[in-house]
């Protein structure tokens, strides 16, 4: 019996540690590659006259960096998956301290999402829906009916291009795909990373909120859902406050049919562009804290030892 438990614990530790190593390796790889890429393109700026060969070389390098980023994000996802897989083994643990409550958050989140198919469907559906909404708001997807991008930018449809510079690493290299005359896919590394992280956090929060509401339809549960909702809404401004402002100003202009109203909204939202980092910190912090607030009561009620629950 003890031997079996030791084997199970050893297997759990092996899965967890391998997941942590994979995630850290992918994260460090992203940081190193972008640091090297930033050093490589540091001599380029908008005023430089770059030869065709150098420009082509930089574009090829930028394409490799974007592919590496996508591969690293997939690798990180696999690492997180292994961590979550290991955490399912801890759901039966007893709770005795506040530290144990915090340590049980991830195992219980994984257990809630994986134990019922409807929660898995909600998780995937919300993830994809929010990612699509985020893509439109941050202008990863640019759709302008009645506008001919092929004429404006003098490009073939369909086609794609890499812009290797000139901005901070993370904002370059950019990938632009002209899919149709009125449809563009515009990807920056930072927006791609934010799309993955925020969509996952939002999906986790909404799935937990649904679960908690079904099990406990209380005012307290509703308040916690509103708190996470604030983080979800603010997440739309993290990728590019100016882009988000442009999106909402366009909506305002369509609703009110007032050009001056749209311009006023665009001017107001463009003023918040310097606060992008603040939006990122606040929204991610809320989305990380909300799951703890949502299920800490459930953890104490269902997983605490008898001695602890009586205190």
C-alpha atoms as a PDB file:
ATOM      1  CA  UNK A   1       0.000   0.000   0.000  1.00  0.00           C
ATOM      2  CA  UNK A   2       2.722   2.447   1.010  1.00  0.00           C
ATOM      3  CA  UNK A   3       4.760   1.333  -1.989  1.00  0.00           C
ATOM      4  CA  UNK A   4       1.811   2.108  -4.264  1.00  0.00           C
ATOM      5  CA  UNK A   5       1.377   5.576  -2.735  1.00  0.00           C
ATOM      6  CA  UNK A   6       5.098   6.253  -3.105  1.00  0.00           C
ATOM      7  CA  UNK A   7       4.912   5.273  -6.783  1.00  0.00           C
ATOM      8  CA  UNK A   8       1.909   7.527  -7.300  1.00  0.00           C
ATOM      9  CA  UNK A   9       3.644  10.431  -5.586  1.00  0.00           C
ATOM     10  CA  UNK A  10       6.789   9.839  -7.620  1.00  0.00           C
ATOM     11  CA  UNK A  11       4.759   9.802 -10.837  1.00  0.00           C
ATOM     12  CA  UNK A  12       2.991  13.016  -9.821  1.00  0.00           C
ATOM     13  CA  UNK A  13       6.288  14.756  -9.067  1.00  0.00           C
ATOM     14  CA  UNK A  14       7.805  13.554 -12.349  1.00  0.00           C
ATOM     15  CA  UNK A  15       4.868  14.882 -14.417  1.00  0.00           C
ATOM     16  CA  UNK A  16       4.785  18.174 -12.514  1.00  0.00           C
ATOM     17  CA  UNK A  17       8.517  18.813 -12.723  1.00  0.00           C
ATOM     18  CA  UNK A  18       8.684  17.942 -16.422  1.00  0.00           C
ATOM     19  CA  UNK A  19       5.813  20.359 -17.089  1.00  0.00           C
ATOM     20  CA  UNK A  20       7.557  23.110 -15.140  1.00  0.00           C
ATOM     21  CA  UNK A  21      10.826  22.508 -17.002  1.00  0.00           C
ATOM     22  CA  UNK A  22       9.101  22.578 -20.399  1.00  0.00           C
ATOM     23  CA  UNK A  23       7.251  25.803 -19.562  1.00  0.00           C
ATOM     24  CA  UNK A  24      10.319  27.550 -18.185  1.00  0.00           C
ATOM     25  CA  UNK A  25      12.476  26.444 -21.109  1.00  0.00           C
ATOM     26  CA  UNK A  26       9.949  27.811 -23.613  1.00  0.00           C
ATOM     27  CA  UNK A  27       9.639  31.087 -21.679  1.00  0.00           C
ATOM     28  CA  UNK A  28      13.389  31.592 -21.435  1.00  0.00           C
ATOM     29  CA  UNK A  29      13.712  30.692 -25.116  1.00  0.00           C
ATOM     30  CA  UNK A  30      11.252  33.455 -26.070  1.00  0.00           C
ATOM     31  CA  UNK A  31      13.088  36.037 -23.957  1.00  0.00           C
ATOM     32  CA  UNK A  32      16.501  35.082 -25.329  1.00  0.00           C
ATOM     33  CA  UNK A  33      15.372  35.024 -28.966  1.00  0.00           C
ATOM     34  CA  UNK A  34      13.736  38.438 -28.727  1.00  0.00           C
ATOM     35  CA  UNK A  35      16.749  39.877 -26.916  1.00  0.00           C
ATOM     36  CA  UNK A  36      19.016  38.625 -29.721  1.00  0.00           C
ATOM     37  CA  UNK A  37      16.563  39.824 -32.349  1.00  0.00           C
ATOM     38  CA  UNK A  38      16.431  43.259 -30.729  1.00  0.00           C
ATOM     39  CA  UNK A  39      20.220  43.431 -30.802  1.00  0.00           C
ATOM     40  CA  UNK A  40      20.253  42.339 -34.451  1.00  0.00           C
ATOM     41  CA  UNK A  41      17.865  45.043 -35.645  1.00  0.00           C
ATOM     42  CA  UNK A  42      19.045  47.785 -33.282  1.00  0.00           C
ATOM     43  CA  UNK A  43      20.990  49.479 -36.091  1.00  0.00           C
ATOM     44  CA  UNK A  44      17.876  49.801 -38.236  1.00  0.00           C
ATOM     45  CA  UNK A  45      15.446  52.688 -38.003  1.00  0.00           C
ATOM     46  CA  UNK A  46      12.812  54.284 -40.144  1.00  0.00           C
ATOM     47  CA  UNK A  47      15.276  56.719 -41.705  1.00  0.00           C
ATOM     48  CA  UNK A  48      17.858  54.147 -42.750  1.00  0.00           C
ATOM     49  CA  UNK A  49      18.266  53.247 -46.394  1.00  0.00           C
ATOM     50  CA  UNK A  50      18.625  49.479 -46.175  1.00  0.00           C
ATOM     51  CA  UNK A  51      19.871  47.475 -49.111  1.00  0.00           C
ATOM     52  CA  UNK A  52      17.557  44.885 -50.669  1.00  0.00           C
ATOM     53  CA  UNK A  53      19.693  41.970 -49.473  1.00  0.00           C
ATOM     54  CA  UNK A  54      19.808  43.202 -45.876  1.00  0.00           C
ATOM     55  CA  UNK A  55      16.082  43.928 -45.902  1.00  0.00           C
ATOM     56  CA  UNK A  56      15.322  40.442 -47.248  1.00  0.00           C
ATOM     57  CA  UNK A  57      17.634  38.869 -44.675  1.00  0.00           C
ATOM     58  CA  UNK A  58      15.926  40.769 -41.845  1.00  0.00           C
ATOM     59  CA  UNK A  59      12.506  39.741 -43.138  1.00  0.00           C
ATOM     60  CA  UNK A  60      13.543  36.085 -43.222  1.00  0.00           C
ATOM     61  CA  UNK A  61      14.907  36.407 -39.686  1.00  0.00           C
ATOM     62  CA  UNK A  62      11.664  38.034 -38.570  1.00  0.00           C
ATOM     63  CA  UNK A  63       9.672  35.169 -40.073  1.00  0.00           C
ATOM     64  CA  UNK A  64      11.820  32.653 -38.188  1.00  0.00           C
ATOM     65  CA  UNK A  65      11.288  34.588 -34.940  1.00  0.00           C
ATOM     66  CA  UNK A  66       7.509  34.536 -35.386  1.00  0.00           C
ATOM     67  CA  UNK A  67       7.543  30.797 -36.126  1.00  0.00           C
ATOM     68  CA  UNK A  68       9.726  30.254 -33.053  1.00  0.00           C
ATOM     69  CA  UNK A  69       7.264  32.269 -30.949  1.00  0.00           C
ATOM     70  CA  UNK A  70       4.309  30.195 -32.139  1.00  0.00           C
ATOM     71  CA  UNK A  71       6.222  26.969 -31.498  1.00  0.00           C
ATOM     72  CA  UNK A  72       7.240  28.187 -28.033  1.00  0.00           C
ATOM     73  CA  UNK A  73       3.643  29.091 -27.134  1.00  0.00           C
ATOM     74  CA  UNK A  74       2.519  25.603 -28.178  1.00  0.00           C
ATOM     75  CA  UNK A  75       5.352  24.128 -26.095  1.00  0.00           C
ATOM     76  CA  UNK A  76       4.350  26.254 -23.105  1.00  0.00           C
ATOM     77  CA  UNK A  77       0.786  25.050 -23.525  1.00  0.00           C
ATOM     78  CA  UNK A  78       1.982  21.448 -23.433  1.00  0.00           C
ATOM     79  CA  UNK A  79       4.039  22.193 -20.309  1.00  0.00           C
ATOM     80  CA  UNK A  80       1.029  23.766 -18.576  1.00  0.00           C
ATOM     81  CA  UNK A  81      -1.065  20.768 -19.638  1.00  0.00           C
ATOM     82  CA  UNK A  82       1.376  18.413 -17.909  1.00  0.00           C
ATOM     83  CA  UNK A  83       1.326  20.576 -14.783  1.00  0.00           C
ATOM     84  CA  UNK A  84      -2.474  20.495 -14.784  1.00  0.00           C
ATOM     85  CA  UNK A  85      -2.436  16.734 -15.355  1.00  0.00           C
ATOM     86  CA  UNK A  86      -0.287  16.291 -12.257  1.00  0.00           C
ATOM     87  CA  UNK A  87      -2.517  18.603 -10.213  1.00  0.00           C
ATOM     88  CA  UNK A  88      -5.554  16.364 -10.661  1.00  0.00           C
ATOM     89  CA  UNK A  89      -3.894  13.907  -8.283  1.00  0.00           C
ATOM     90  CA  UNK A  90      -3.992  16.440  -5.443  1.00  0.00           C
ATOM     91  CA  UNK A  91      -7.743  17.050  -5.386  1.00  0.00           C
ATOM     92  CA  UNK A  92      -8.279  14.495  -2.625  1.00  0.00           C
ATOM     93  CA  UNK A  93      -5.838  16.224  -0.286  1.00  0.00           C
ATOM     94  CA  UNK A  94      -7.015  17.611   3.054  1.00  0.00           C
ATOM     95  CA  UNK A  95      -6.827  21.305   3.937  1.00  0.00           C
ATOM     96  CA  UNK A  96      -5.311  22.473   7.200  1.00  0.00           C
ATOM     97  CA  UNK A  97      -3.813  25.916   6.537  1.00  0.00           C
ATOM     98  CA  UNK A  98      -4.452  28.976   4.348  1.00  0.00           C
ATOM     99  CA  UNK A  99      -1.381  27.985   2.327  1.00  0.00           C
ATOM    100  CA  UNK A 100      -3.080  24.657   1.559  1.00  0.00           C
ATOM    101  CA  UNK A 101      -6.118  26.543   0.266  1.00  0.00           C
ATOM    102  CA  UNK A 102      -3.936  28.497  -2.158  1.00  0.00           C
ATOM    103  CA  UNK A 103      -2.124  25.336  -3.277  1.00  0.00           C
ATOM    104  CA  UNK A 104      -5.472  23.649  -3.964  1.00  0.00           C
ATOM    105  CA  UNK A 105      -6.673  26.351  -6.382  1.00  0.00           C
ATOM    106  CA  UNK A 106      -5.052  24.926  -9.515  1.00  0.00           C
ATOM    107  CA  UNK A 107      -5.908  21.269  -8.763  1.00  0.00           C
ATOM    108  CA  UNK A 108      -9.556  22.146  -8.170  1.00  0.00           C
ATOM    109  CA  UNK A 109      -9.782  24.339 -11.288  1.00  0.00           C
ATOM    110  CA  UNK A 110      -8.428  21.461 -13.370  1.00  0.00           C
ATOM    111  CA  UNK A 111     -10.807  19.029 -11.682  1.00  0.00           C
ATOM    112  CA  UNK A 112     -13.869  21.254 -12.245  1.00  0.00           C
ATOM    113  CA  UNK A 113     -13.122  21.793 -15.937  1.00  0.00           C
ATOM    114  CA  UNK A 114     -12.205  18.168 -16.632  1.00  0.00           C
ATOM    115  CA  UNK A 115     -14.875  16.333 -14.629  1.00  0.00           C
ATOM    116  CA  UNK A 116     -17.888  17.402 -16.736  1.00  0.00           C
ATOM    117  CA  UNK A 117     -18.103  17.614 -20.504  1.00  0.00           C
ATOM    118  CA  UNK A 118     -20.310  20.722 -20.442  1.00  0.00           C
ATOM    119  CA  UNK A 119     -17.632  22.649 -18.551  1.00  0.00           C
ATOM    120  CA  UNK A 120     -15.070  21.562 -21.122  1.00  0.00           C
ATOM    121  CA  UNK A 121     -17.376  22.793 -23.899  1.00  0.00           C
ATOM    122  CA  UNK A 122     -17.860  26.121 -22.079  1.00  0.00           C
ATOM    123  CA  UNK A 123     -14.108  26.468 -21.538  1.00  0.00           C
ATOM    124  CA  UNK A 124     -13.215  25.880 -25.197  1.00  0.00           C
ATOM    125  CA  UNK A 125     -16.126  27.967 -26.524  1.00  0.00           C
ATOM    126  CA  UNK A 126     -15.328  30.973 -24.333  1.00  0.00           C
ATOM    127  CA  UNK A 127     -11.614  30.700 -25.119  1.00  0.00           C
ATOM    128  CA  UNK A 128     -12.241  30.804 -28.873  1.00  0.00           C
ATOM    129  CA  UNK A 129     -14.942  33.499 -28.637  1.00  0.00           C
ATOM    130  CA  UNK A 130     -12.829  35.824 -26.484  1.00  0.00           C
ATOM    131  CA  UNK A 131      -9.769  35.247 -28.662  1.00  0.00           C
ATOM    132  CA  UNK A 132     -11.823  36.250 -31.713  1.00  0.00           C
ATOM    133  CA  UNK A 133     -13.227  39.331 -29.942  1.00  0.00           C
ATOM    134  CA  UNK A 134      -9.754  40.274 -28.744  1.00  0.00           C
ATOM    135  CA  UNK A 135      -8.435  39.859 -32.284  1.00  0.00           C
ATOM    136  CA  UNK A 136     -10.996  42.350 -33.628  1.00  0.00           C
ATOM    137  CA  UNK A 137     -10.587  44.850 -30.789  1.00  0.00           C
ATOM    138  CA  UNK A 138      -6.772  44.828 -30.945  1.00  0.00           C
ATOM    139  CA  UNK A 139      -6.920  44.886 -34.751  1.00  0.00           C
ATOM    140  CA  UNK A 140      -5.197  41.574 -35.255  1.00  0.00           C
ATOM    141  CA  UNK A 141      -8.115  41.050 -37.632  1.00  0.00           C
ATOM    142  CA  UNK A 142      -8.830  44.178 -39.683  1.00  0.00           C
ATOM    143  CA  UNK A 143     -12.041  44.070 -41.705  1.00  0.00           C
ATOM    144  CA  UNK A 144     -13.051  47.205 -43.590  1.00  0.00           C
ATOM    145  CA  UNK A 145     -15.918  46.651 -46.050  1.00  0.00           C
ATOM    146  CA  UNK A 146     -15.730  49.005 -49.012  1.00  0.00           C
ATOM    147  CA  UNK A 147     -12.003  49.667 -48.624  1.00  0.00           C
ATOM    148  CA  UNK A 148      -9.498  48.240 -51.092  1.00  0.00           C
ATOM    149  CA  UNK A 149      -6.291  47.402 -49.242  1.00  0.00           C
ATOM    150  CA  UNK A 150      -4.687  46.220 -52.470  1.00  0.00           C
ATOM    151  CA  UNK A 151      -4.942  49.729 -53.889  1.00  0.00           C
ATOM    152  CA  UNK A 152      -3.950  51.514 -50.683  1.00  0.00           C
ATOM    153  CA  UNK A 153      -0.850  49.392 -50.007  1.00  0.00           C
ATOM    154  CA  UNK A 154      -0.234  48.299 -53.607  1.00  0.00           C
ATOM    155  CA  UNK A 155      -0.079  44.606 -52.764  1.00  0.00           C
ATOM    156  CA  UNK A 156      -1.361  41.445 -54.376  1.00  0.00           C
ATOM    157  CA  UNK A 157      -4.346  39.595 -52.922  1.00  0.00           C
ATOM    158  CA  UNK A 158      -3.706  37.157 -51.324  1.00  0.00           C
ATOM    159  CA  UNK A 159      -0.171  37.834 -50.063  1.00  0.00           C
ATOM    160  CA  UNK A 160       1.782  38.269 -46.860  1.00  0.00           C
ATOM    161  CA  UNK A 161       4.756  40.269 -45.639  1.00  0.00           C
ATOM    162  CA  UNK A 162       7.082  40.519 -42.649  1.00  0.00           C
ATOM    163  CA  UNK A 163       8.078  43.908 -41.209  1.00  0.00           C
ATOM    164  CA  UNK A 164      11.311  43.309 -39.261  1.00  0.00           C
ATOM    165  CA  UNK A 165      11.647  46.760 -37.684  1.00  0.00           C
ATOM    166  CA  UNK A 166      11.486  49.464 -36.388  1.00  0.00           C
ATOM    167  CA  UNK A 167      10.171  49.254 -32.874  1.00  0.00           C
ATOM    168  CA  UNK A 168      10.846  47.543 -29.569  1.00  0.00           C
ATOM    169  CA  UNK A 169      11.315  43.745 -29.603  1.00  0.00           C
ATOM    170  CA  UNK A 170       7.913  42.243 -28.888  1.00  0.00           C
ATOM    171  CA  UNK A 171       6.233  44.806 -31.116  1.00  0.00           C
ATOM    172  CA  UNK A 172       8.347  43.617 -34.037  1.00  0.00           C
ATOM    173  CA  UNK A 173       8.630  41.615 -36.200  1.00  0.00           C
ATOM    174  CA  UNK A 174       5.083  42.000 -37.487  1.00  0.00           C
ATOM    175  CA  UNK A 175       3.262  39.606 -39.778  1.00  0.00           C
ATOM    176  CA  UNK A 176       0.708  41.016 -42.218  1.00  0.00           C
ATOM    177  CA  UNK A 177      -1.476  38.775 -44.383  1.00  0.00           C
ATOM    178  CA  UNK A 178      -3.703  40.333 -47.037  1.00  0.00           C
ATOM    179  CA  UNK A 179      -6.387  37.660 -47.265  1.00  0.00           C
ATOM    180  CA  UNK A 180      -8.947  39.693 -49.193  1.00  0.00           C
ATOM    181  CA  UNK A 181      -9.340  43.197 -50.547  1.00  0.00           C
ATOM    182  CA  UNK A 182     -11.047  44.265 -47.308  1.00  0.00           C
ATOM    183  CA  UNK A 183      -9.530  41.789 -44.823  1.00  0.00           C
ATOM    184  CA  UNK A 184      -6.074  41.870 -43.189  1.00  0.00           C
ATOM    185  CA  UNK A 185      -4.486  39.711 -40.489  1.00  0.00           C
ATOM    186  CA  UNK A 186      -1.938  41.812 -38.594  1.00  0.00           C
ATOM    187  CA  UNK A 187       0.064  40.018 -35.887  1.00  0.00           C
ATOM    188  CA  UNK A 188       2.621  41.417 -33.469  1.00  0.00           C
ATOM    189  CA  UNK A 189       4.379  39.114 -30.978  1.00  0.00           C
ATOM    190  CA  UNK A 190       2.965  40.958 -27.945  1.00  0.00           C
ATOM    191  CA  UNK A 191      -0.619  40.793 -29.215  1.00  0.00           C
ATOM    192  CA  UNK A 192      -0.251  37.093 -29.984  1.00  0.00           C
ATOM    193  CA  UNK A 193       1.047  36.380 -26.467  1.00  0.00           C
ATOM    194  CA  UNK A 194      -1.702  38.470 -24.858  1.00  0.00           C
ATOM    195  CA  UNK A 195      -4.352  36.727 -26.945  1.00  0.00           C
ATOM    196  CA  UNK A 196      -3.270  33.313 -25.658  1.00  0.00           C
ATOM    197  CA  UNK A 197      -2.851  34.334 -21.999  1.00  0.00           C
ATOM    198  CA  UNK A 198      -5.943  36.519 -21.623  1.00  0.00           C
ATOM    199  CA  UNK A 199      -8.241  34.174 -23.544  1.00  0.00           C
ATOM    200  CA  UNK A 200      -7.183  31.288 -21.291  1.00  0.00           C
ATOM    201  CA  UNK A 201      -7.640  33.296 -18.070  1.00  0.00           C
ATOM    202  CA  UNK A 202     -11.009  34.658 -19.190  1.00  0.00           C
ATOM    203  CA  UNK A 203     -12.185  31.171 -20.131  1.00  0.00           C
ATOM    204  CA  UNK A 204     -11.130  29.802 -16.742  1.00  0.00           C
ATOM    205  CA  UNK A 205     -12.936  32.628 -14.909  1.00  0.00           C
ATOM    206  CA  UNK A 206     -16.190  32.282 -16.841  1.00  0.00           C
ATOM    207  CA  UNK A 207     -16.218  28.488 -16.502  1.00  0.00           C
ATOM    208  CA  UNK A 208     -15.663  28.750 -12.736  1.00  0.00           C
ATOM    209  CA  UNK A 209     -18.301  31.481 -12.432  1.00  0.00           C
ATOM    210  CA  UNK A 210     -20.815  29.216 -14.194  1.00  0.00           C
ATOM    211  CA  UNK A 211     -19.930  26.300 -11.929  1.00  0.00           C
ATOM    212  CA  UNK A 212     -20.147  28.365  -8.742  1.00  0.00           C
ATOM    213  CA  UNK A 213     -23.445  29.970  -9.805  1.00  0.00           C
ATOM    214  CA  UNK A 214     -25.019  26.586 -10.506  1.00  0.00           C
ATOM    215  CA  UNK A 215     -23.918  25.233  -7.127  1.00  0.00           C
ATOM    216  CA  UNK A 216     -24.521  28.366  -5.046  1.00  0.00           C
ATOM    217  CA  UNK A 217     -26.819  31.064  -6.413  1.00  0.00           C
ATOM    218  CA  UNK A 218     -25.904  33.641  -3.827  1.00  0.00           C
ATOM    219  CA  UNK A 219     -25.329  37.397  -3.937  1.00  0.00           C
ATOM    220  CA  UNK A 220     -21.705  36.801  -2.947  1.00  0.00           C
ATOM    221  CA  UNK A 221     -21.185  34.619  -6.015  1.00  0.00           C
ATOM    222  CA  UNK A 222     -22.672  37.325  -8.233  1.00  0.00           C
ATOM    223  CA  UNK A 223     -20.333  39.938  -6.750  1.00  0.00           C
ATOM    224  CA  UNK A 224     -17.301  37.773  -7.448  1.00  0.00           C
ATOM    225  CA  UNK A 225     -18.480  37.290 -11.032  1.00  0.00           C
ATOM    226  CA  UNK A 226     -18.737  41.069 -11.440  1.00  0.00           C
ATOM    227  CA  UNK A 227     -15.177  41.411 -10.135  1.00  0.00           C
ATOM    228  CA  UNK A 228     -13.848  38.979 -12.726  1.00  0.00           C
ATOM    229  CA  UNK A 229     -16.027  40.672 -15.357  1.00  0.00           C
ATOM    230  CA  UNK A 230     -14.179  43.905 -14.729  1.00  0.00           C
ATOM    231  CA  UNK A 231     -10.885  42.145 -15.476  1.00  0.00           C
ATOM    232  CA  UNK A 232     -12.378  40.574 -18.612  1.00  0.00           C
ATOM    233  CA  UNK A 233     -13.503  43.971 -19.927  1.00  0.00           C
ATOM    234  CA  UNK A 234     -10.197  45.652 -19.106  1.00  0.00           C
ATOM    235  CA  UNK A 235      -8.349  42.852 -20.882  1.00  0.00           C
ATOM    236  CA  UNK A 236      -9.686  44.221 -24.174  1.00  0.00           C
ATOM    237  CA  UNK A 237      -7.509  47.315 -23.691  1.00  0.00           C
ATOM    238  CA  UNK A 238      -4.267  45.483 -22.937  1.00  0.00           C
ATOM    239  CA  UNK A 239      -3.099  44.736 -26.471  1.00  0.00           C
ATOM    240  CA  UNK A 240      -3.368  48.264 -27.760  1.00  0.00           C
ATOM    241  CA  UNK A 241      -5.424  50.921 -25.957  1.00  0.00           C
ATOM    242  CA  UNK A 242      -5.419  53.080 -29.081  1.00  0.00           C
ATOM    243  CA  UNK A 243      -6.598  50.141 -31.217  1.00  0.00           C
ATOM    244  CA  UNK A 244      -9.326  49.336 -28.711  1.00  0.00           C
ATOM    245  CA  UNK A 245     -10.271  52.979 -28.641  1.00  0.00           C
ATOM    246  CA  UNK A 246     -10.488  53.045 -32.416  1.00  0.00           C
ATOM    247  CA  UNK A 247     -12.727  49.963 -32.355  1.00  0.00           C
ATOM    248  CA  UNK A 248     -15.112  51.402 -29.768  1.00  0.00           C
ATOM    249  CA  UNK A 249     -15.111  54.827 -31.407  1.00  0.00           C
ATOM    250  CA  UNK A 250     -16.103  53.146 -34.680  1.00  0.00           C
ATOM    251  CA  UNK A 251     -18.962  51.364 -32.909  1.00  0.00           C
ATOM    252  CA  UNK A 252     -20.001  54.666 -31.321  1.00  0.00           C
ATOM    253  CA  UNK A 253     -19.936  56.380 -34.688  1.00  0.00           C
ATOM    254  CA  UNK A 254     -22.102  53.651 -36.242  1.00  0.00           C
ATOM    255  CA  UNK A 255     -24.619  53.779 -33.436  1.00  0.00           C
ATOM    256  CA  UNK A 256     -24.921  57.551 -33.177  1.00  0.00           C
ATOM    257  CA  UNK A 257     -24.229  58.249 -36.875  1.00  0.00           C
ATOM    258  CA  UNK A 258     -22.145  61.151 -35.628  1.00  0.00           C
ATOM    259  CA  UNK A 259     -18.660  61.709 -36.993  1.00  0.00           C
ATOM    260  CA  UNK A 260     -17.841  64.195 -34.258  1.00  0.00           C
ATOM    261  CA  UNK A 261     -18.853  61.669 -31.590  1.00  0.00           C
ATOM    262  CA  UNK A 262     -16.569  59.023 -33.097  1.00  0.00           C
ATOM    263  CA  UNK A 263     -13.681  61.470 -33.337  1.00  0.00           C
ATOM    264  CA  UNK A 264     -14.205  62.578 -29.742  1.00  0.00           C
ATOM    265  CA  UNK A 265     -14.188  58.989 -28.540  1.00  0.00           C
ATOM    266  CA  UNK A 266     -11.066  58.214 -30.572  1.00  0.00           C
ATOM    267  CA  UNK A 267      -9.278  61.248 -29.127  1.00  0.00           C
ATOM    268  CA  UNK A 268     -10.206  60.288 -25.593  1.00  0.00           C
ATOM    269  CA  UNK A 269      -9.112  56.667 -25.949  1.00  0.00           C
ATOM    270  CA  UNK A 270      -5.860  57.534 -27.709  1.00  0.00           C
ATOM    271  CA  UNK A 271      -4.919  59.506 -24.597  1.00  0.00           C
ATOM    272  CA  UNK A 272      -4.832  56.246 -22.590  1.00  0.00           C
ATOM    273  CA  UNK A 273      -2.326  54.564 -24.924  1.00  0.00           C
ATOM    274  CA  UNK A 274       0.678  55.193 -22.600  1.00  0.00           C
ATOM    275  CA  UNK A 275      -1.052  53.145 -19.882  1.00  0.00           C
ATOM    276  CA  UNK A 276      -0.877  49.843 -21.758  1.00  0.00           C
ATOM    277  CA  UNK A 277       1.392  48.206 -19.174  1.00  0.00           C
ATOM    278  CA  UNK A 278      -0.966  49.339 -16.398  1.00  0.00           C
ATOM    279  CA  UNK A 279      -3.927  47.756 -18.199  1.00  0.00           C
ATOM    280  CA  UNK A 280      -1.971  44.511 -18.609  1.00  0.00           C
ATOM    281  CA  UNK A 281      -0.989  44.385 -14.921  1.00  0.00           C
ATOM    282  CA  UNK A 282      -4.469  45.219 -13.606  1.00  0.00           C
ATOM    283  CA  UNK A 283      -6.421  42.895 -15.908  1.00  0.00           C
ATOM    284  CA  UNK A 284      -4.133  39.880 -15.466  1.00  0.00           C
ATOM    285  CA  UNK A 285      -3.995  40.429 -11.686  1.00  0.00           C
ATOM    286  CA  UNK A 286      -7.805  40.471 -11.465  1.00  0.00           C
ATOM    287  CA  UNK A 287      -8.134  37.394 -13.662  1.00  0.00           C
ATOM    288  CA  UNK A 288      -5.560  35.544 -11.541  1.00  0.00           C
ATOM    289  CA  UNK A 289      -7.110  36.511  -8.197  1.00  0.00           C
ATOM    290  CA  UNK A 290     -10.751  35.900  -9.206  1.00  0.00           C
ATOM    291  CA  UNK A 291     -10.494  32.076  -9.294  1.00  0.00           C
ATOM    292  CA  UNK A 292      -9.144  32.101  -5.726  1.00  0.00           C
ATOM    293  CA  UNK A 293     -12.031  34.269  -4.531  1.00  0.00           C
ATOM    294  CA  UNK A 294     -14.544  32.125  -6.400  1.00  0.00           C
ATOM    295  CA  UNK A 295     -13.632  28.698  -5.084  1.00  0.00           C
ATOM    296  CA  UNK A 296     -11.863  29.188  -1.770  1.00  0.00           C
ATOM    297  CA  UNK A 297     -15.172  28.598   0.047  1.00  0.00           C
ATOM    298  CA  UNK A 298     -15.739  25.404  -1.921  1.00  0.00           C
ATOM    299  CA  UNK A 299     -12.262  24.168  -1.044  1.00  0.00           C
ATOM    300  CA  UNK A 300     -12.736  24.769   2.681  1.00  0.00           C
ATOM    301  CA  UNK A 301     -16.209  23.208   2.661  1.00  0.00           C
ATOM    302  CA  UNK A 302     -15.535  20.073   0.619  1.00  0.00           C
ATOM    303  CA  UNK A 303     -11.841  19.312   1.167  1.00  0.00           C
ATOM    304  CA  UNK A 304     -11.005  20.465   4.682  1.00  0.00           C
ATOM    305  CA  UNK A 305     -10.247  17.917   7.356  1.00  0.00           C
ATOM    306  CA  UNK A 306     -12.873  17.600  10.150  1.00  0.00           C
ATOM    307  CA  UNK A 307     -10.597  19.244  12.689  1.00  0.00           C
ATOM    308  CA  UNK A 308      -9.962  22.233  10.457  1.00  0.00           C
ATOM    309  CA  UNK A 309     -13.576  22.799   9.409  1.00  0.00           C
ATOM    310  CA  UNK A 310     -14.691  22.899  13.028  1.00  0.00           C
ATOM    311  CA  UNK A 311     -12.327  25.751  13.847  1.00  0.00           C
END
